[in-house]
């Protein structure tokens, strides 16, 4: 009976390890697609409008958080994305 639990634990560990690896690859692919879309000028209009609202309301931390969640970005990438978006907003539109 001890062997059963040992084998079950090992199988569970291997499955979890593989799922983590697949999740990392998926996030990498998502970031690459976002970079390509950004380079081509293709954006998610609704997300961008929401982030602009947050920036205009001086809620940049929340904007970074929402950008990271929606686009699968790291903290640095999220900050850079928001900074770039902020620069694209005319100064008179930021309150």
PDB file of N, CA and C in Angstrom:
ATOM      1  N   UNK A   1       0.817  -1.193   0.000  1.00  0.00           N
ATOM      2  CA  UNK A   1       0.000   0.000   0.000  1.00  0.00           C
ATOM      3  C   UNK A   1       0.865   1.263   0.000  1.00  0.00           C
ATOM      4  N   UNK A   2       2.037   1.222   0.630  1.00  0.00           N
ATOM      5  CA  UNK A   2       2.934   2.365   0.635  1.00  0.00           C
ATOM      6  C   UNK A   2       3.395   2.698  -0.770  1.00  0.00           C
ATOM      7  N   UNK A   3       3.609   1.686  -1.600  1.00  0.00           N
ATOM      8  CA  UNK A   3       4.053   1.906  -2.973  1.00  0.00           C
ATOM      9  C   UNK A   3       3.001   2.667  -3.769  1.00  0.00           C
ATOM     10  N   UNK A   4       1.753   2.352  -3.492  1.00  0.00           N
ATOM     11  CA  UNK A   4       0.668   3.032  -4.204  1.00  0.00           C
ATOM     12  C   UNK A   4       0.748   4.541  -3.984  1.00  0.00           C
ATOM     13  N   UNK A   5       0.892   4.968  -2.725  1.00  0.00           N
ATOM     14  CA  UNK A   5       0.943   6.391  -2.418  1.00  0.00           C
ATOM     15  C   UNK A   5       2.194   7.039  -2.980  1.00  0.00           C
ATOM     16  N   UNK A   6       3.295   6.312  -2.955  1.00  0.00           N
ATOM     17  CA  UNK A   6       4.531   6.850  -3.520  1.00  0.00           C
ATOM     18  C   UNK A   6       4.394   7.065  -5.030  1.00  0.00           C
ATOM     19  N   UNK A   7       3.833   6.078  -5.715  1.00  0.00           N
ATOM     20  CA  UNK A   7       3.631   6.173  -7.160  1.00  0.00           C
ATOM     21  C   UNK A   7       2.622   7.283  -7.474  1.00  0.00           C
ATOM     22  N   UNK A   8       1.545   7.372  -6.691  1.00  0.00           N
ATOM     23  CA  UNK A   8       0.531   8.414  -6.906  1.00  0.00           C
ATOM     24  C   UNK A   8       1.158   9.796  -6.711  1.00  0.00           C
ATOM     25  N   UNK A   9       2.003   9.952  -5.688  1.00  0.00           N
ATOM     26  CA  UNK A   9       2.675  11.220  -5.453  1.00  0.00           C
ATOM     27  C   UNK A   9       3.596  11.574  -6.610  1.00  0.00           C
ATOM     28  N   UNK A  10       4.367  10.631  -7.082  1.00  0.00           N
ATOM     29  CA  UNK A  10       5.289  10.882  -8.191  1.00  0.00           C
ATOM     30  C   UNK A  10       4.548  11.254  -9.471  1.00  0.00           C
ATOM     31  N   UNK A  11       3.469  10.552  -9.742  1.00  0.00           N
ATOM     32  CA  UNK A  11       2.673  10.864 -10.935  1.00  0.00           C
ATOM     33  C   UNK A  11       2.080  12.269 -10.810  1.00  0.00           C
ATOM     34  N   UNK A  12       1.565  12.606  -9.637  1.00  0.00           N
ATOM     35  CA  UNK A  12       1.013  13.941  -9.417  1.00  0.00           C
ATOM     36  C   UNK A  12       2.071  15.012  -9.586  1.00  0.00           C
ATOM     37  N   UNK A  13       3.260  14.755  -9.060  1.00  0.00           N
ATOM     38  CA  UNK A  13       4.363  15.707  -9.190  1.00  0.00           C
ATOM     39  C   UNK A  13       4.751  15.893 -10.646  1.00  0.00           C
ATOM     40  N   UNK A  14       4.835  14.809 -11.396  1.00  0.00           N
ATOM     41  CA  UNK A  14       5.205  14.901 -12.810  1.00  0.00           C
ATOM     42  C   UNK A  14       4.157  15.661 -13.617  1.00  0.00           C
ATOM     43  N   UNK A  15       2.901  15.420 -13.308  1.00  0.00           N
ATOM     44  CA  UNK A  15       1.821  16.129 -14.009  1.00  0.00           C
ATOM     45  C   UNK A  15       1.880  17.620 -13.689  1.00  0.00           C
ATOM     46  N   UNK A  16       2.059  17.955 -12.418  1.00  0.00           N
ATOM     47  CA  UNK A  16       2.144  19.357 -12.029  1.00  0.00           C
ATOM     48  C   UNK A  16       3.344  20.035 -12.672  1.00  0.00           C
ATOM     49  N   UNK A  17       4.472  19.358 -12.709  1.00  0.00           N
ATOM     50  CA  UNK A  17       5.679  19.891 -13.332  1.00  0.00           C
ATOM     51  C   UNK A  17       5.445  20.162 -14.820  1.00  0.00           C
ATOM     52  N   UNK A  18       4.811  19.219 -15.497  1.00  0.00           N
ATOM     53  CA  UNK A  18       4.543  19.376 -16.932  1.00  0.00           C
ATOM     54  C   UNK A  18       3.568  20.522 -17.190  1.00  0.00           C
ATOM     55  N   UNK A  19       2.532  20.642 -16.349  1.00  0.00           N
ATOM     56  CA  UNK A  19       1.569  21.729 -16.511  1.00  0.00           C
ATOM     57  C   UNK A  19       2.229  23.090 -16.304  1.00  0.00           C
ATOM     58  N   UNK A  20       3.141  23.172 -15.351  1.00  0.00           N
ATOM     59  CA  UNK A  20       3.871  24.419 -15.128  1.00  0.00           C
ATOM     60  C   UNK A  20       4.689  24.779 -16.358  1.00  0.00           C
ATOM     61  N   UNK A  21       5.340  23.787 -16.941  1.00  0.00           N
ATOM     62  CA  UNK A  21       6.151  24.012 -18.143  1.00  0.00           C
ATOM     63  C   UNK A  21       5.274  24.489 -19.309  1.00  0.00           C
ATOM     64  N   UNK A  22       4.142  23.858 -19.491  1.00  0.00           N
ATOM     65  CA  UNK A  22       3.218  24.236 -20.565  1.00  0.00           C
ATOM     66  C   UNK A  22       2.696  25.653 -20.333  1.00  0.00           C
ATOM     67  N   UNK A  23       2.397  26.005 -19.078  1.00  0.00           N
ATOM     68  CA  UNK A  23       1.924  27.344 -18.757  1.00  0.00           C
ATOM     69  C   UNK A  23       2.990  28.390 -19.069  1.00  0.00           C
ATOM     70  N   UNK A  24       4.240  28.093 -18.762  1.00  0.00           N
ATOM     71  CA  UNK A  24       5.332  29.012 -19.071  1.00  0.00           C
ATOM     72  C   UNK A  24       5.477  29.211 -20.577  1.00  0.00           C
ATOM     73  N   UNK A  25       5.373  28.126 -21.329  1.00  0.00           N
ATOM     74  CA  UNK A  25       5.460  28.241 -22.788  1.00  0.00           C
ATOM     75  C   UNK A  25       4.303  29.062 -23.345  1.00  0.00           C
ATOM     76  N   UNK A  26       3.127  28.853 -22.810  1.00  0.00           N
ATOM     77  CA  UNK A  26       1.946  29.597 -23.260  1.00  0.00           C
ATOM     78  C   UNK A  26       2.113  31.085 -22.983  1.00  0.00           C
ATOM     79  N   UNK A  27       2.598  31.439 -21.796  1.00  0.00           N
ATOM     80  CA  UNK A  27       2.829  32.847 -21.480  1.00  0.00           C
ATOM     81  C   UNK A  27       3.879  33.457 -22.404  1.00  0.00           C
ATOM     82  N   UNK A  28       4.921  32.697 -22.714  1.00  0.00           N
ATOM     83  CA  UNK A  28       5.952  33.172 -23.638  1.00  0.00           C
ATOM     84  C   UNK A  28       5.342  33.448 -25.012  1.00  0.00           C
ATOM     85  N   UNK A  29       4.538  32.519 -25.512  1.00  0.00           N
ATOM     86  CA  UNK A  29       3.896  32.690 -26.818  1.00  0.00           C
ATOM     87  C   UNK A  29       2.946  33.884 -26.814  1.00  0.00           C
ATOM     88  N   UNK A  30       2.212  34.059 -25.710  1.00  0.00           N
ATOM     89  CA  UNK A  30       1.288  35.190 -25.597  1.00  0.00           C
ATOM     90  C   UNK A  30       2.051  36.509 -25.651  1.00  0.00           C
ATOM     91  N   UNK A  31       3.182  36.589 -24.938  1.00  0.00           N
ATOM     92  CA  UNK A  31       3.990  37.813 -24.975  1.00  0.00           C
ATOM     93  C   UNK A  31       4.518  38.079 -26.378  1.00  0.00           C
ATOM     94  N   UNK A  32       4.973  37.033 -27.071  1.00  0.00           N
ATOM     95  CA  UNK A  32       5.478  37.211 -28.434  1.00  0.00           C
ATOM     96  C   UNK A  32       4.371  37.709 -29.357  1.00  0.00           C
ATOM     97  N   UNK A  33       3.181  37.136 -29.247  1.00  0.00           N
ATOM     98  CA  UNK A  33       2.058  37.589 -30.074  1.00  0.00           C
ATOM     99  C   UNK A  33       1.700  39.043 -29.769  1.00  0.00           C
ATOM    100  N   UNK A  34       1.754  39.412 -28.497  1.00  0.00           N
ATOM    101  CA  UNK A  34       1.475  40.796 -28.127  1.00  0.00           C
ATOM    102  C   UNK A  34       2.523  41.736 -28.707  1.00  0.00           C
ATOM    103  N   UNK A  35       3.781  41.312 -28.699  1.00  0.00           N
ATOM    104  CA  UNK A  35       4.846  42.128 -29.285  1.00  0.00           C
ATOM    105  C   UNK A  35       4.638  42.298 -30.785  1.00  0.00           C
ATOM    106  N   UNK A  36       4.265  41.218 -31.450  1.00  0.00           N
ATOM    107  CA  UNK A  36       4.010  41.278 -32.896  1.00  0.00           C
ATOM    108  C   UNK A  36       2.823  42.200 -33.177  1.00  0.00           C
ATOM    109  N   UNK A  37       1.750  42.035 -32.388  1.00  0.00           N
ATOM    110  CA  UNK A  37       0.563  42.879 -32.575  1.00  0.00           C
ATOM    111  C   UNK A  37       0.904  44.345 -32.323  1.00  0.00           C
ATOM    112  N   UNK A  38       1.709  44.595 -31.314  1.00  0.00           N
ATOM    113  CA  UNK A  38       2.119  45.967 -31.023  1.00  0.00           C
ATOM    114  C   UNK A  38       2.947  46.536 -32.167  1.00  0.00           C
ATOM    115  N   UNK A  39       3.843  45.750 -32.694  1.00  0.00           N
ATOM    116  CA  UNK A  39       4.688  46.197 -33.807  1.00  0.00           C
ATOM    117  C   UNK A  39       3.847  46.524 -35.041  1.00  0.00           C
ATOM    118  N   UNK A  40       2.799  45.739 -35.240  1.00  0.00           N
ATOM    119  CA  UNK A  40       1.932  45.953 -36.400  1.00  0.00           C
ATOM    120  C   UNK A  40       0.856  47.004 -36.136  1.00  0.00           C
ATOM    121  N   UNK A  41       0.785  47.478 -34.898  1.00  0.00           N
ATOM    122  CA  UNK A  41      -0.210  48.496 -34.570  1.00  0.00           C
ATOM    123  C   UNK A  41      -1.579  47.933 -34.273  1.00  0.00           C
ATOM    124  N   UNK A  42      -1.647  46.657 -33.977  1.00  0.00           N
ATOM    125  CA  UNK A  42      -2.913  46.011 -33.645  1.00  0.00           C
ATOM    126  C   UNK A  42      -3.053  46.032 -32.125  1.00  0.00           C
ATOM    127  N   UNK A  43      -4.130  46.644 -31.612  1.00  0.00           N
ATOM    128  CA  UNK A  43      -4.316  46.731 -30.167  1.00  0.00           C
ATOM    129  C   UNK A  43      -5.704  46.258 -29.772  1.00  0.00           C
ATOM    130  N   UNK A  44      -5.839  45.948 -28.509  1.00  0.00           N
ATOM    131  CA  UNK A  44      -7.135  45.612 -27.937  1.00  0.00           C
ATOM    132  C   UNK A  44      -7.758  46.925 -27.482  1.00  0.00           C
ATOM    133  N   UNK A  45      -8.672  47.451 -28.283  1.00  0.00           N
ATOM    134  CA  UNK A  45      -9.210  48.794 -28.089  1.00  0.00           C
ATOM    135  C   UNK A  45      -9.850  48.973 -26.707  1.00  0.00           C
ATOM    136  N   UNK A  46     -10.663  48.022 -26.275  1.00  0.00           N
ATOM    137  CA  UNK A  46     -11.345  48.163 -24.992  1.00  0.00           C
ATOM    138  C   UNK A  46     -10.344  48.187 -23.838  1.00  0.00           C
ATOM    139  N   UNK A  47      -9.362  47.293 -23.885  1.00  0.00           N
ATOM    140  CA  UNK A  47      -8.343  47.272 -22.845  1.00  0.00           C
ATOM    141  C   UNK A  47      -7.558  48.578 -22.844  1.00  0.00           C
ATOM    142  N   UNK A  48      -7.183  49.016 -24.008  1.00  0.00           N
ATOM    143  CA  UNK A  48      -6.420  50.252 -24.111  1.00  0.00           C
ATOM    144  C   UNK A  48      -7.205  51.433 -23.554  1.00  0.00           C
ATOM    145  N   UNK A  49      -8.488  51.517 -23.841  1.00  0.00           N
ATOM    146  CA  UNK A  49      -9.321  52.604 -23.330  1.00  0.00           C
ATOM    147  C   UNK A  49      -9.407  52.543 -21.807  1.00  0.00           C
ATOM    148  N   UNK A  50      -9.532  51.341 -21.263  1.00  0.00           N
ATOM    149  CA  UNK A  50      -9.587  51.168 -19.803  1.00  0.00           C
ATOM    150  C   UNK A  50      -8.265  51.620 -19.173  1.00  0.00           C
ATOM    151  N   UNK A  51      -7.158  51.231 -19.764  1.00  0.00           N
ATOM    152  CA  UNK A  51      -5.856  51.609 -19.225  1.00  0.00           C
ATOM    153  C   UNK A  51      -5.642  53.117 -19.308  1.00  0.00           C
ATOM    154  N   UNK A  52      -6.099  53.727 -20.387  1.00  0.00           N
ATOM    155  CA  UNK A  52      -5.991  55.182 -20.526  1.00  0.00           C
ATOM    156  C   UNK A  52      -6.808  55.877 -19.434  1.00  0.00           C
ATOM    157  N   UNK A  53      -7.997  55.364 -19.152  1.00  0.00           N
ATOM    158  CA  UNK A  53      -8.814  55.932 -18.076  1.00  0.00           C
ATOM    159  C   UNK A  53      -8.084  55.861 -16.745  1.00  0.00           C
ATOM    160  N   UNK A  54      -7.459  54.717 -16.485  1.00  0.00           N
ATOM    161  CA  UNK A  54      -6.722  54.574 -15.230  1.00  0.00           C
ATOM    162  C   UNK A  54      -5.539  55.543 -15.172  1.00  0.00           C
ATOM    163  N   UNK A  55      -4.822  55.664 -16.282  1.00  0.00           N
ATOM    164  CA  UNK A  55      -3.685  56.594 -16.327  1.00  0.00           C
ATOM    165  C   UNK A  55      -4.161  58.016 -16.094  1.00  0.00           C
ATOM    166  N   UNK A  56      -5.246  58.397 -16.752  1.00  0.00           N
ATOM    167  CA  UNK A  56      -5.774  59.755 -16.597  1.00  0.00           C
ATOM    168  C   UNK A  56      -6.245  60.014 -15.167  1.00  0.00           C
ATOM    169  N   UNK A  57      -6.682  58.956 -14.485  1.00  0.00           N
ATOM    170  CA  UNK A  57      -7.114  59.086 -13.092  1.00  0.00           C
ATOM    171  C   UNK A  57      -5.976  58.908 -12.104  1.00  0.00           C
ATOM    172  N   UNK A  58      -4.739  58.936 -12.614  1.00  0.00           N
ATOM    173  CA  UNK A  58      -3.536  58.787 -11.792  1.00  0.00           C
ATOM    174  C   UNK A  58      -3.529  57.468 -11.020  1.00  0.00           C
ATOM    175  N   UNK A  59      -4.005  56.412 -11.670  1.00  0.00           N
ATOM    176  CA  UNK A  59      -4.006  55.067 -11.080  1.00  0.00           C
ATOM    177  C   UNK A  59      -3.091  54.162 -11.901  1.00  0.00           C
ATOM    178  N   UNK A  60      -1.856  54.574 -12.045  1.00  0.00           N
ATOM    179  CA  UNK A  60      -0.915  53.847 -12.896  1.00  0.00           C
ATOM    180  C   UNK A  60      -0.608  52.453 -12.359  1.00  0.00           C
ATOM    181  N   UNK A  61      -0.561  52.297 -11.050  1.00  0.00           N
ATOM    182  CA  UNK A  61      -0.286  50.972 -10.486  1.00  0.00           C
ATOM    183  C   UNK A  61      -1.394  50.001 -10.878  1.00  0.00           C
ATOM    184  N   UNK A  62      -2.634  50.450 -10.782  1.00  0.00           N
ATOM    185  CA  UNK A  62      -3.766  49.613 -11.184  1.00  0.00           C
ATOM    186  C   UNK A  62      -3.708  49.324 -12.684  1.00  0.00           C
ATOM    187  N   UNK A  63      -3.284  50.312 -13.466  1.00  0.00           N
ATOM    188  CA  UNK A  63      -3.159  50.122 -14.917  1.00  0.00           C
ATOM    189  C   UNK A  63      -2.115  49.058 -15.222  1.00  0.00           C
ATOM    190  N   UNK A  64      -0.985  49.100 -14.520  1.00  0.00           N
ATOM    191  CA  UNK A  64       0.058  48.086 -14.719  1.00  0.00           C
ATOM    192  C   UNK A  64      -0.486  46.713 -14.349  1.00  0.00           C
ATOM    193  N   UNK A  65      -1.196  46.640 -13.239  1.00  0.00           N
ATOM    194  CA  UNK A  65      -1.767  45.362 -12.793  1.00  0.00           C
ATOM    195  C   UNK A  65      -2.729  44.789 -13.836  1.00  0.00           C
ATOM    196  N   UNK A  66      -3.624  45.622 -14.337  1.00  0.00           N
ATOM    197  CA  UNK A  66      -4.605  45.146 -15.315  1.00  0.00           C
ATOM    198  C   UNK A  66      -3.945  44.781 -16.639  1.00  0.00           C
ATOM    199  N   UNK A  67      -2.926  45.532 -17.034  1.00  0.00           N
ATOM    200  CA  UNK A  67      -2.199  45.208 -18.265  1.00  0.00           C
ATOM    201  C   UNK A  67      -1.491  43.861 -18.112  1.00  0.00           C
ATOM    202  N   UNK A  68      -0.876  43.646 -16.955  1.00  0.00           N
ATOM    203  CA  UNK A  68      -0.179  42.380 -16.715  1.00  0.00           C
ATOM    204  C   UNK A  68      -1.147  41.201 -16.769  1.00  0.00           C
ATOM    205  N   UNK A  69      -2.302  41.352 -16.132  1.00  0.00           N
ATOM    206  CA  UNK A  69      -3.288  40.276 -16.107  1.00  0.00           C
ATOM    207  C   UNK A  69      -3.832  39.986 -17.497  1.00  0.00           C
ATOM    208  N   UNK A  70      -4.145  41.026 -18.233  1.00  0.00           N
ATOM    209  CA  UNK A  70      -4.776  40.848 -19.546  1.00  0.00           C
ATOM    210  C   UNK A  70      -3.789  40.358 -20.601  1.00  0.00           C
ATOM    211  N   UNK A  71      -2.545  40.800 -20.502  1.00  0.00           N
ATOM    212  CA  UNK A  71      -1.574  40.501 -21.558  1.00  0.00           C
ATOM    213  C   UNK A  71      -0.514  39.486 -21.153  1.00  0.00           C
ATOM    214  N   UNK A  72      -0.538  39.057 -19.889  1.00  0.00           N
ATOM    215  CA  UNK A  72       0.438  38.076 -19.439  1.00  0.00           C
ATOM    216  C   UNK A  72       1.855  38.617 -19.380  1.00  0.00           C
ATOM    217  N   UNK A  73       1.998  39.858 -18.949  1.00  0.00           N
ATOM    218  CA  UNK A  73       3.303  40.511 -18.929  1.00  0.00           C
ATOM    219  C   UNK A  73       3.964  40.369 -17.565  1.00  0.00           C
ATOM    220  N   UNK A  74       5.285  40.491 -17.558  1.00  0.00           N
ATOM    221  CA  UNK A  74       6.010  40.570 -16.293  1.00  0.00           C
ATOM    222  C   UNK A  74       5.793  41.969 -15.725  1.00  0.00           C
ATOM    223  N   UNK A  75       6.256  42.188 -14.504  1.00  0.00           N
ATOM    224  CA  UNK A  75       6.101  43.505 -13.894  1.00  0.00           C
ATOM    225  C   UNK A  75       6.814  44.576 -14.709  1.00  0.00           C
ATOM    226  N   UNK A  76       8.029  44.294 -15.126  1.00  0.00           N
ATOM    227  CA  UNK A  76       8.785  45.259 -15.918  1.00  0.00           C
ATOM    228  C   UNK A  76       8.100  45.528 -17.262  1.00  0.00           C
ATOM    229  N   UNK A  77       7.659  44.470 -17.933  1.00  0.00           N
ATOM    230  CA  UNK A  77       6.982  44.637 -19.223  1.00  0.00           C
ATOM    231  C   UNK A  77       5.685  45.426 -19.063  1.00  0.00           C
ATOM    232  N   UNK A  78       4.954  45.154 -17.965  1.00  0.00           N
ATOM    233  CA  UNK A  78       3.718  45.886 -17.710  1.00  0.00           C
ATOM    234  C   UNK A  78       3.965  47.364 -17.487  1.00  0.00           C
ATOM    235  N   UNK A  79       5.009  47.683 -16.727  1.00  0.00           N
ATOM    236  CA  UNK A  79       5.377  49.067 -16.471  1.00  0.00           C
ATOM    237  C   UNK A  79       5.792  49.766 -17.762  1.00  0.00           C
ATOM    238  N   UNK A  80       6.590  49.073 -18.577  1.00  0.00           N
ATOM    239  CA  UNK A  80       7.025  49.652 -19.851  1.00  0.00           C
ATOM    240  C   UNK A  80       5.837  49.875 -20.777  1.00  0.00           C
ATOM    241  N   UNK A  81       4.900  48.943 -20.783  1.00  0.00           N
ATOM    242  CA  UNK A  81       3.704  49.067 -21.626  1.00  0.00           C
ATOM    243  C   UNK A  81       2.900  50.299 -21.215  1.00  0.00           C
ATOM    244  N   UNK A  82       2.702  50.482 -19.915  1.00  0.00           N
ATOM    245  CA  UNK A  82       1.933  51.626 -19.421  1.00  0.00           C
ATOM    246  C   UNK A  82       2.678  52.931 -19.689  1.00  0.00           C
ATOM    247  N   UNK A  83       3.988  52.921 -19.504  1.00  0.00           N
ATOM    248  CA  UNK A  83       4.771  54.135 -19.792  1.00  0.00           C
ATOM    249  C   UNK A  83       4.650  54.524 -21.265  1.00  0.00           C
ATOM    250  N   UNK A  84       4.716  53.535 -22.139  1.00  0.00           N
ATOM    251  CA  UNK A  84       4.587  53.802 -23.576  1.00  0.00           C
ATOM    252  C   UNK A  84       3.186  54.326 -23.901  1.00  0.00           C
ATOM    253  N   UNK A  85       2.179  53.723 -23.284  1.00  0.00           N
ATOM    254  CA  UNK A  85       0.806  54.171 -23.498  1.00  0.00           C
ATOM    255  C   UNK A  85       0.617  55.592 -22.967  1.00  0.00           C
ATOM    256  N   UNK A  86       1.219  55.874 -21.820  1.00  0.00           N
ATOM    257  CA  UNK A  86       1.114  57.212 -21.224  1.00  0.00           C
ATOM    258  C   UNK A  86       1.735  58.263 -22.136  1.00  0.00           C
ATOM    259  N   UNK A  87       2.859  57.928 -22.767  1.00  0.00           N
ATOM    260  CA  UNK A  87       3.510  58.873 -23.678  1.00  0.00           C
ATOM    261  C   UNK A  87       2.664  59.144 -24.921  1.00  0.00           C
ATOM    262  N   UNK A  88       1.813  58.185 -25.288  1.00  0.00           N
ATOM    263  CA  UNK A  88       0.986  58.361 -26.481  1.00  0.00           C
ATOM    264  C   UNK A  88      -0.237  59.236 -26.221  1.00  0.00           C
ATOM    265  N   UNK A  89      -0.509  59.506 -24.945  1.00  0.00           N
ATOM    266  CA  UNK A  89      -1.653  60.347 -24.583  1.00  0.00           C
ATOM    267  C   UNK A  89      -1.199  61.797 -24.591  1.00  0.00           C
ATOM    268  N   UNK A  90      -1.901  62.692 -25.288  1.00  0.00           N
ATOM    269  CA  UNK A  90      -1.535  64.105 -25.252  1.00  0.00           C
ATOM    270  C   UNK A  90      -1.548  64.636 -23.818  1.00  0.00           C
ATOM    271  N   UNK A  91      -0.611  65.483 -23.480  1.00  0.00           N
ATOM    272  CA  UNK A  91      -0.457  65.997 -22.115  1.00  0.00           C
ATOM    273  C   UNK A  91      -1.743  66.637 -21.573  1.00  0.00           C
ATOM    274  N   UNK A  92      -2.476  67.298 -22.443  1.00  0.00           N
ATOM    275  CA  UNK A  92      -3.685  67.988 -21.974  1.00  0.00           C
ATOM    276  C   UNK A  92      -4.828  67.011 -21.659  1.00  0.00           C
ATOM    277  N   UNK A  93      -4.672  65.738 -22.032  1.00  0.00           N
ATOM    278  CA  UNK A  93      -5.721  64.756 -21.717  1.00  0.00           C
ATOM    279  C   UNK A  93      -5.491  64.078 -20.382  1.00  0.00           C
ATOM    280  N   UNK A  94      -4.293  64.263 -19.789  1.00  0.00           N
ATOM    281  CA  UNK A  94      -4.018  63.685 -18.476  1.00  0.00           C
ATOM    282  C   UNK A  94      -4.352  64.734 -17.431  1.00  0.00           C
ATOM    283  N   UNK A  95      -5.277  64.399 -16.550  1.00  0.00           N
ATOM    284  CA  UNK A  95      -5.751  65.357 -15.546  1.00  0.00           C
ATOM    285  C   UNK A  95      -4.786  65.432 -14.400  1.00  0.00           C
TER     286      UNK A  95
END
